[in-house]
Amino acid sequence: MSGRSGGKPPAGYAYLQPTITALNNELRAMVNKSHEGLRKTEANWPIIQLTNQRSRYVYDMYYLHRKIDRATYDYCIRNKIADASLIAKWKKPGYEMLCSSYVITSSNYKFGTVSICRVPKSERREKGEIQDPNTGCTGCASGDVVDGNIFGNKYGQRLAGIQIAREERKRRKEEEEKKKKDQEEAAAPPAPSSKPPPAADFGDSETDDSDSDSDDDFGPAPVKPDHDATWGNKEEDEEGRAITKKAEVGEEEEEEDGEEEEEGPSKKKARSA
């Protein structure tokens, strides 16, 4: 699950590692969780959904947000951190939000069709909410996924967008704090030029615990990582989706510009006629 046989990870993998580790731990917990009272297929939902989310995280970081280099992306593919076959489908028009390769394999369904989650809402006989019995997907047909969450739970969140939203919020906060500090320093009266007399040295204080065995000498105890913090709250999820949508629009515009450059002026004129 975590890619142990692909050699030493590249430097860029450190940026992904906390989230990948949290996803792997969650996946391990879901595998070991009791499935009592669940259908066999339903028990597999978290595993399929987490695998999708982990692949989407790597995909978004590389293709949309460009936060990792090719070496890091290849390492994730090589070590099966990201599902290469699923990502290959996401690159094709109409399959951008595909939940799993299983739902488009006609041999898995009666009459050689595909899952209900692949049928656009406008073409469904059922007009209510649907859910694929094998993946838990609530609909992954292109154009139907408004908020980018195809599972309707935390496993459908776009974690790359959430991570970047948190980074931007932290950066803004640091900038505001620095600006406030600079303003306070500029408004403060100048410090006196005369230096105070040196303090008398009376030796070690009775409260000096430099020889103490206290844990305080080593700083605060390390905090155990909170894996639930990997997923965003409602506000963070909304910010993450907005960042992801903006990146997707930018990607589409770049692709269109690239097509126009390849066509040349004569073809562009013909196409617009």
Protein backbone atom coordinates (compact mmCIF):
# COMPACT_ATOMS: atom_id res chain seq x y z
CA MET A 1 0.00 0.00 0.00
CA SER A 2 2.83 2.40 0.71
CA GLY A 3 5.41 1.51 -1.88
CA ARG A 4 8.31 -0.24 -0.17
CA SER A 5 10.13 -1.74 -3.13
CA GLY A 6 10.72 1.21 -5.42
CA GLY A 7 13.99 2.42 -3.95
CA LYS A 8 14.66 5.64 -2.10
CA PRO A 9 11.92 8.23 -2.62
CA PRO A 10 12.89 11.49 -4.36
CA ALA A 11 13.12 14.70 -2.36
CA GLY A 12 9.74 15.88 -3.62
CA TYR A 13 7.97 12.95 -1.98
CA ALA A 14 8.39 14.61 1.44
CA TYR A 15 5.69 17.10 0.41
CA LEU A 16 3.19 14.26 -0.14
CA GLN A 17 4.29 11.90 2.61
CA PRO A 18 2.15 13.14 5.56
CA THR A 19 -1.07 12.80 3.55
CA ILE A 20 -0.03 9.51 1.92
CA THR A 21 0.84 8.10 5.35
CA ALA A 22 -2.53 9.17 6.74
CA LEU A 23 -4.35 7.57 3.80
CA ASN A 24 -2.37 4.35 4.17
CA ASN A 25 -3.15 4.20 7.89
CA GLU A 26 -6.84 4.81 7.19
CA LEU A 27 -6.81 2.12 4.53
CA ARG A 28 -5.20 -0.33 6.93
CA ALA A 29 -7.81 0.48 9.56
CA MET A 30 -10.66 -0.09 7.09
CA VAL A 31 -9.22 -3.45 6.02
CA ASN A 32 -9.07 -4.60 9.66
CA LYS A 33 -12.43 -3.13 10.63
CA SER A 34 -15.30 -5.46 11.43
CA HIS A 35 -17.67 -5.88 8.48
CA GLU A 36 -20.48 -7.38 10.50
CA GLY A 37 -23.88 -6.40 9.15
CA LEU A 38 -22.51 -5.18 5.83
CA ARG A 39 -22.88 -6.70 2.42
CA LYS A 40 -19.66 -8.07 0.96
CA THR A 41 -19.50 -5.38 -1.71
CA GLU A 42 -20.39 -2.64 0.77
CA ALA A 43 -17.54 -3.69 3.05
CA ASN A 44 -15.14 -2.91 0.19
CA TRP A 45 -16.39 0.63 -0.37
CA PRO A 46 -13.86 2.36 1.92
CA ILE A 47 -10.97 0.46 0.33
CA ILE A 48 -12.02 1.36 -3.23
CA GLN A 49 -12.77 4.96 -2.26
CA LEU A 50 -9.47 5.46 -0.41
CA THR A 51 -7.56 4.00 -3.35
CA ASN A 52 -9.34 6.48 -5.60
CA GLN A 53 -8.63 9.36 -3.20
CA ARG A 54 -4.94 8.53 -2.91
CA SER A 55 -4.59 8.36 -6.70
CA ARG A 56 -6.53 11.60 -7.11
CA TYR A 57 -4.29 13.33 -4.57
CA VAL A 58 -1.14 12.44 -6.52
CA TYR A 59 -2.81 13.22 -9.86
CA ASP A 60 -3.99 16.66 -8.72
CA MET A 61 -0.64 17.55 -7.18
CA TYR A 62 1.16 16.75 -10.43
CA TYR A 63 -1.22 17.61 -13.26
CA LEU A 64 -3.37 20.37 -11.76
CA HIS A 65 -1.39 22.16 -9.07
CA ARG A 66 2.11 21.25 -10.29
CA LYS A 67 3.44 20.93 -6.78
CA ILE A 68 5.55 17.83 -7.44
CA ASP A 69 8.04 16.94 -10.16
CA ARG A 70 8.00 14.05 -12.59
CA ALA A 71 10.39 11.97 -10.50
CA THR A 72 8.01 12.12 -7.52
CA TYR A 73 4.99 11.30 -9.69
CA ASP A 74 6.78 8.35 -11.30
CA TYR A 75 7.82 7.09 -7.87
CA CYS A 76 4.15 7.09 -6.78
CA ILE A 77 3.11 5.21 -9.92
CA ARG A 78 5.94 2.71 -9.64
CA ASN A 79 5.13 1.95 -6.02
CA LYS A 80 1.37 1.72 -6.67
CA ILE A 81 0.66 4.67 -4.40
CA ALA A 82 -1.35 5.96 -7.34
CA ASP A 83 -3.34 3.70 -9.70
CA ALA A 84 -1.80 4.14 -13.16
CA SER A 85 -4.71 2.54 -15.01
CA LEU A 86 -7.28 4.73 -13.29
CA ILE A 87 -5.25 7.88 -13.94
CA ALA A 88 -4.96 6.90 -17.60
CA LYS A 89 -8.77 6.89 -17.74
CA TRP A 90 -9.01 10.32 -16.04
CA LYS A 91 -6.99 11.79 -18.92
CA LYS A 92 -9.68 10.81 -21.43
CA PRO A 93 -12.70 13.04 -22.14
CA GLY A 94 -15.78 11.80 -20.34
CA TYR A 95 -13.84 9.85 -17.73
CA GLU A 96 -12.36 12.74 -15.72
CA MET A 97 -14.19 11.76 -12.51
CA LEU A 98 -14.31 7.97 -12.96
CA CYS A 99 -14.60 6.23 -9.58
CA SER A 100 -13.12 2.86 -10.60
CA SER A 101 -12.20 0.88 -13.69
CA TYR A 102 -14.62 -1.78 -12.44
CA VAL A 103 -17.71 0.29 -13.25
CA ILE A 104 -16.86 0.61 -16.97
CA THR A 105 -16.00 -3.06 -17.51
CA SER A 106 -19.08 -4.38 -19.29
CA SER A 107 -18.41 -8.00 -18.29
CA ASN A 108 -19.11 -7.03 -14.67
CA TYR A 109 -22.73 -6.11 -15.48
CA LYS A 110 -25.76 -7.78 -16.96
CA PHE A 111 -26.46 -7.25 -20.63
CA GLY A 112 -22.92 -5.96 -21.19
CA THR A 113 -23.66 -2.48 -19.88
CA VAL A 114 -21.90 -0.27 -17.31
CA SER A 115 -22.71 0.88 -13.79
CA ILE A 116 -25.61 3.22 -13.07
CA CYS A 117 -23.07 5.72 -11.71
CA ARG A 118 -21.74 6.17 -15.27
CA VAL A 119 -25.13 7.09 -16.69
CA PRO A 120 -25.73 10.87 -16.87
CA LYS A 121 -28.61 12.07 -14.69
CA SER A 122 -30.52 13.27 -17.75
CA GLU A 123 -30.54 9.75 -19.18
CA ARG A 124 -31.45 7.77 -16.05
CA ARG A 125 -34.82 6.17 -15.60
CA GLU A 126 -34.42 6.56 -11.83
CA LYS A 127 -34.69 10.24 -10.91
CA GLY A 128 -33.65 9.95 -7.27
CA GLU A 129 -30.27 9.44 -5.65
CA ILE A 130 -28.29 6.42 -6.85
CA GLN A 131 -25.25 4.55 -5.55
CA ASP A 132 -23.17 1.92 -7.27
CA PRO A 133 -23.38 -1.27 -5.16
CA ASN A 134 -19.71 -2.13 -5.76
CA THR A 135 -17.98 1.21 -5.15
CA GLY A 136 -20.50 3.41 -3.32
CA CYS A 137 -20.16 6.02 -6.08
CA THR A 138 -23.10 8.43 -6.29
CA GLY A 139 -22.39 9.38 -9.90
CA CYS A 140 -19.16 9.98 -11.81
CA ALA A 141 -20.45 10.87 -15.27
CA SER A 142 -18.75 13.99 -16.61
CA GLY A 143 -20.85 17.11 -16.11
CA ASP A 144 -22.86 15.60 -13.26
CA VAL A 145 -20.26 16.03 -10.52
CA VAL A 146 -20.82 19.57 -9.30
CA ASP A 147 -18.69 19.66 -6.16
CA GLY A 148 -16.11 17.06 -7.17
CA ASN A 149 -17.16 14.60 -4.44
CA ILE A 150 -18.36 11.40 -6.08
CA PHE A 151 -18.72 9.42 -2.84
CA GLY A 152 -20.55 11.96 -0.71
CA ASN A 153 -18.18 11.48 2.24
CA LYS A 154 -14.66 12.46 3.32
CA TYR A 155 -13.13 9.93 0.92
CA GLY A 156 -14.49 11.98 -1.96
CA GLN A 157 -12.70 15.17 -0.88
CA ARG A 158 -9.96 16.60 -3.11
CA LEU A 159 -7.13 16.51 -0.60
CA ALA A 160 -4.61 18.31 -2.78
CA GLY A 161 -6.87 21.36 -2.94
CA ILE A 162 -7.45 21.24 0.82
CA GLN A 163 -3.72 21.04 1.51
CA ILE A 164 -2.99 24.02 -0.75
CA ALA A 165 -5.87 25.99 0.79
CA ARG A 166 -4.34 25.44 4.22
CA GLU A 167 -0.94 26.53 2.98
CA GLU A 168 -2.38 29.71 1.49
CA ARG A 169 -4.30 30.47 4.67
CA LYS A 170 -1.12 29.99 6.72
CA ARG A 171 0.83 32.25 4.35
CA ARG A 172 -1.81 34.99 4.57
CA LYS A 173 -1.82 34.76 8.36
CA GLU A 174 1.98 35.05 8.53
CA GLU A 175 1.91 38.05 6.19
CA GLU A 176 -0.76 39.76 8.31
CA GLU A 177 1.19 39.10 11.50
CA LYS A 178 4.39 40.44 9.94
CA LYS A 179 2.61 43.55 8.68
CA LYS A 180 1.09 44.15 12.11
CA LYS A 181 4.48 43.70 13.79
CA ASP A 182 6.15 46.11 11.35
CA GLN A 183 3.45 48.71 12.02
CA GLU A 184 3.85 48.36 15.79
CA GLU A 185 7.62 48.71 15.55
CA ALA A 186 7.30 51.80 13.34
CA ALA A 187 4.88 53.42 15.81
CA ALA A 188 6.91 52.56 18.92
CA PRO A 189 9.15 55.30 20.43
CA PRO A 190 12.89 54.88 19.84
CA ALA A 191 14.73 52.85 22.46
CA PRO A 192 17.07 54.76 24.85
CA SER A 193 20.65 54.89 23.68
CA SER A 194 22.24 54.38 27.09
CA LYS A 195 22.89 50.82 28.10
CA PRO A 196 21.78 49.62 31.55
CA PRO A 197 24.52 48.60 33.97
CA PRO A 198 25.46 44.93 33.89
CA ALA A 199 23.57 42.81 36.38
CA ALA A 200 25.50 41.46 39.32
CA ASP A 201 26.39 37.79 39.11
CA PHE A 202 25.28 36.00 42.26
CA GLY A 203 25.88 32.52 40.89
CA ASP A 204 23.29 29.94 39.99
CA SER A 205 19.75 30.60 41.07
CA GLU A 206 17.98 28.15 43.34
CA THR A 207 15.43 27.74 40.60
CA ASP A 208 18.07 26.95 37.97
CA ASP A 209 17.17 23.46 36.73
CA SER A 210 19.95 23.11 34.18
CA ASP A 211 21.07 19.91 35.91
CA SER A 212 17.55 18.64 36.28
CA ASP A 213 16.30 15.52 34.56
CA SER A 214 13.08 17.31 33.64
CA ASP A 215 11.63 16.60 30.18
CA ASP A 216 11.33 20.36 29.70
CA ASP A 217 15.04 20.44 28.82
CA PHE A 218 14.18 18.61 25.62
CA GLY A 219 11.21 20.74 24.65
CA PRO A 220 7.58 19.64 24.50
CA ALA A 221 6.75 16.01 23.91
CA PRO A 222 6.04 15.24 20.23
CA VAL A 223 2.37 15.30 19.33
CA LYS A 224 0.93 12.16 17.80
CA PRO A 225 -0.23 12.90 14.23
CA ASP A 226 -3.97 13.39 13.92
CA HIS A 227 -4.86 11.47 10.77
CA ASP A 228 -8.41 12.83 10.81
CA ALA A 229 -6.90 16.29 10.23
CA THR A 230 -5.92 15.12 6.73
CA TRP A 231 -9.53 15.57 5.65
CA GLY A 232 -11.01 19.04 5.69
CA ASN A 233 -13.92 20.50 7.57
CA LYS A 234 -16.76 22.10 5.63
CA GLU A 235 -14.98 25.42 5.16
CA GLU A 236 -11.68 23.83 4.14
CA ASP A 237 -13.46 21.46 1.77
CA GLU A 238 -15.16 24.41 0.05
CA GLU A 239 -11.87 26.31 -0.23
CA GLY A 240 -10.15 23.20 -1.58
CA ARG A 241 -12.85 22.67 -4.20
CA ALA A 242 -12.58 26.30 -5.30
CA ILE A 243 -8.81 25.98 -5.72
CA THR A 244 -9.21 22.71 -7.60
CA LYS A 245 -11.86 24.19 -9.91
CA LYS A 246 -9.64 27.17 -10.65
CA ALA A 247 -6.74 24.85 -11.49
CA GLU A 248 -8.97 22.72 -13.75
CA VAL A 249 -10.14 25.78 -15.67
CA GLY A 250 -6.54 26.90 -16.10
CA GLU A 251 -5.57 23.47 -17.37
CA GLU A 252 -8.40 23.49 -19.93
CA GLU A 253 -7.41 26.94 -21.17
CA GLU A 254 -3.78 25.86 -21.60
CA GLU A 255 -4.87 22.80 -23.58
CA GLU A 256 -7.03 24.98 -25.85
CA ASP A 257 -4.15 27.41 -26.39
CA GLY A 258 -1.87 24.51 -27.25
CA GLU A 259 -4.36 23.17 -29.81
CA GLU A 260 -4.65 26.58 -31.47
CA GLU A 261 -0.86 26.87 -31.75
CA GLU A 262 -0.65 23.43 -33.39
CA GLU A 263 -3.44 24.27 -35.85
CA GLY A 264 -1.78 27.43 -37.12
CA PRO A 265 -3.53 30.60 -38.33
CA SER A 266 -5.15 29.07 -41.43
CA LYS A 267 -6.85 26.25 -39.52
CA LYS A 268 -7.89 28.61 -36.73
CA LYS A 269 -9.56 30.86 -39.28
CA ALA A 270 -11.34 27.91 -40.85
CA ARG A 271 -12.52 26.62 -37.49
CA SER A 272 -13.97 30.00 -36.50
CA ALA A 273 -15.74 30.46 -39.86
